[in-house]
């Protein structure tokens, strides 16, 4: 039975252009916001720096994650991030798509791949909290 599930997963194809247009119409770009944040509480994996794409930024009620993080700054989603999110529709959590880091340099490099400059306010806050380091820092998964 497990083998059948794997073969079904292999048959899943990417969305067609028509399906992507339908998803974009149902979930416009204005429904997304990017957040740079730092976790408040102790993290056993050491990954305190976070970047999230909020898929429901206008939701009135705060989630448990909203209460557990300090959002330093926000920005609108880029076209490339938006298209990638639409292409992965249904494969993420309902509210947030998150990435966590132990070093601000890794986040800055990933931002550059999307043509974004990491906000200086966030970099300064990470440096103030000593969440910077060398590329030789321990990476945990």
Protein backbone atom coordinates (compact mmCIF):
# COMPACT_ATOMS: atom_id res chain seq x y z
CA UNK A 1 0.00 0.00 0.00
CA UNK A 2 2.86 2.36 0.82
CA UNK A 3 4.37 1.70 -2.62
CA UNK A 4 1.07 2.69 -4.24
CA UNK A 5 1.10 5.99 -2.36
CA UNK A 6 4.60 6.73 -3.64
CA UNK A 7 3.61 6.03 -7.22
CA UNK A 8 0.60 8.32 -6.87
CA UNK A 9 2.87 11.07 -5.53
CA UNK A 10 5.15 10.65 -8.54
CA UNK A 11 2.22 11.21 -10.90
CA UNK A 12 1.33 14.64 -9.47
CA UNK A 13 2.05 17.20 -12.16
CA UNK A 14 2.58 20.94 -11.81
CA UNK A 15 -0.34 23.29 -12.34
CA UNK A 16 -1.15 24.30 -15.87
CA UNK A 17 -1.12 27.98 -16.87
CA UNK A 18 -4.91 28.01 -16.76
CA UNK A 19 -4.96 26.60 -13.21
CA UNK A 20 -2.35 29.14 -12.08
CA UNK A 21 -4.53 31.98 -13.42
CA UNK A 22 -7.51 30.63 -11.44
CA UNK A 23 -5.44 30.45 -8.24
CA UNK A 24 -4.08 33.96 -8.80
CA UNK A 25 -7.60 35.28 -9.24
CA UNK A 26 -8.76 33.57 -6.03
CA UNK A 27 -5.71 34.68 -4.05
CA UNK A 28 -4.35 38.01 -5.32
CA UNK A 29 -0.88 39.30 -4.54
CA UNK A 30 -2.32 41.84 -2.07
CA UNK A 31 -3.25 38.93 0.23
CA UNK A 32 0.42 38.26 1.05
CA UNK A 33 3.01 39.97 3.24
CA UNK A 34 6.60 39.03 4.06
CA UNK A 35 7.71 39.24 7.69
CA UNK A 36 11.21 39.28 9.19
CA UNK A 37 11.08 38.13 12.80
CA UNK A 38 13.00 36.80 15.79
CA UNK A 39 11.66 34.13 18.13
CA UNK A 40 11.03 35.31 21.70
CA UNK A 41 11.43 32.05 23.59
CA UNK A 42 14.34 29.62 23.81
CA UNK A 43 14.75 27.39 20.72
CA UNK A 44 16.47 24.04 21.17
CA UNK A 45 17.62 24.01 17.52
CA UNK A 46 19.21 27.48 17.81
CA UNK A 47 17.34 28.89 14.81
CA UNK A 48 16.07 32.22 16.16
CA UNK A 49 15.99 34.23 12.92
CA UNK A 50 12.89 33.80 10.80
CA UNK A 51 11.38 34.83 7.50
CA UNK A 52 7.72 34.12 6.75
CA UNK A 53 5.28 34.70 3.96
CA UNK A 54 2.01 35.52 5.69
CA UNK A 55 -0.88 34.30 3.54
CA UNK A 56 -3.53 35.96 5.74
CA UNK A 57 -2.03 39.26 6.94
CA UNK A 58 -5.44 40.88 7.45
CA UNK A 59 -6.73 38.21 9.84
CA UNK A 60 -8.05 39.84 13.01
CA UNK A 61 -7.20 37.20 15.57
CA UNK A 62 -3.56 36.58 16.47
CA UNK A 63 -2.19 33.05 16.20
CA UNK A 64 0.10 31.30 18.69
CA UNK A 65 3.02 31.99 16.37
CA UNK A 66 2.16 35.71 16.30
CA UNK A 67 2.44 35.71 20.09
CA UNK A 68 5.79 33.83 20.00
CA UNK A 69 7.71 36.10 17.64
CA UNK A 70 8.93 39.71 17.48
CA UNK A 71 8.19 40.97 13.98
CA UNK A 72 10.95 43.47 13.23
CA UNK A 73 9.83 44.56 9.77
CA UNK A 74 7.57 43.63 6.89
CA UNK A 75 7.53 44.12 3.14
CA UNK A 76 5.27 43.27 0.21
CA UNK A 77 5.82 39.97 -1.56
CA UNK A 78 7.87 40.05 -4.77
CA UNK A 79 6.60 38.72 -8.09
CA UNK A 80 9.02 35.78 -7.99
CA UNK A 81 8.00 34.80 -4.44
CA UNK A 82 4.33 35.15 -5.35
CA UNK A 83 4.64 32.91 -8.41
CA UNK A 84 6.56 30.30 -6.40
CA UNK A 85 3.88 30.37 -3.70
CA UNK A 86 1.12 29.92 -6.29
CA UNK A 87 2.99 27.03 -7.94
CA UNK A 88 3.19 25.32 -4.52
CA UNK A 89 -0.46 26.01 -3.69
CA UNK A 90 -1.86 23.57 -1.11
CA UNK A 91 1.54 22.29 0.06
CA UNK A 92 2.02 24.65 3.01
CA UNK A 93 0.41 25.66 6.26
CA UNK A 94 -2.71 27.77 5.90
CA UNK A 95 -1.33 30.98 7.44
CA UNK A 96 2.48 31.00 7.24
CA UNK A 97 5.24 29.66 5.04
CA UNK A 98 8.39 29.89 7.20
CA UNK A 99 12.15 29.59 6.93
CA UNK A 100 14.44 29.65 9.98
CA UNK A 101 18.13 30.50 10.26
CA UNK A 102 20.87 30.62 12.86
CA UNK A 103 22.85 33.28 10.98
CA UNK A 104 21.65 36.50 9.32
CA UNK A 105 24.09 35.98 6.43
CA UNK A 106 22.16 32.94 5.16
CA UNK A 107 18.92 34.93 5.05
CA UNK A 108 20.64 37.82 3.27
CA UNK A 109 21.94 35.42 0.59
CA UNK A 110 18.51 33.91 0.02
CA UNK A 111 16.97 37.38 -0.24
CA UNK A 112 19.49 38.25 -2.95
CA UNK A 113 18.38 35.19 -4.95
CA UNK A 114 14.91 36.77 -5.07
CA UNK A 115 16.24 40.24 -5.90
CA UNK A 116 15.49 41.63 -2.44
CA UNK A 117 17.74 43.56 -0.11
CA UNK A 118 17.29 42.45 3.50
CA UNK A 119 15.98 45.44 5.51
CA UNK A 120 18.77 47.21 7.37
CA UNK A 121 16.55 47.54 10.45
CA UNK A 122 16.36 43.74 10.67
CA UNK A 123 20.10 43.30 10.13
CA UNK A 124 20.82 45.84 12.88
CA UNK A 125 18.44 44.10 15.29
CA UNK A 126 20.05 40.70 14.60
CA UNK A 127 23.51 42.21 15.19
CA UNK A 128 22.28 43.84 18.41
CA UNK A 129 21.00 40.46 19.65
CA UNK A 130 24.23 38.76 18.53
CA UNK A 131 22.45 36.54 16.00
CA UNK A 132 25.21 36.95 13.48
CA UNK A 133 28.17 34.75 12.90
CA UNK A 134 30.40 33.22 10.34
CA UNK A 135 29.41 30.78 7.63
CA UNK A 136 31.18 28.12 9.72
CA UNK A 137 28.32 28.29 12.25
CA UNK A 138 26.67 24.99 13.06
CA UNK A 139 23.69 24.29 10.82
CA UNK A 140 20.96 22.14 12.36
CA UNK A 141 17.91 20.63 10.76
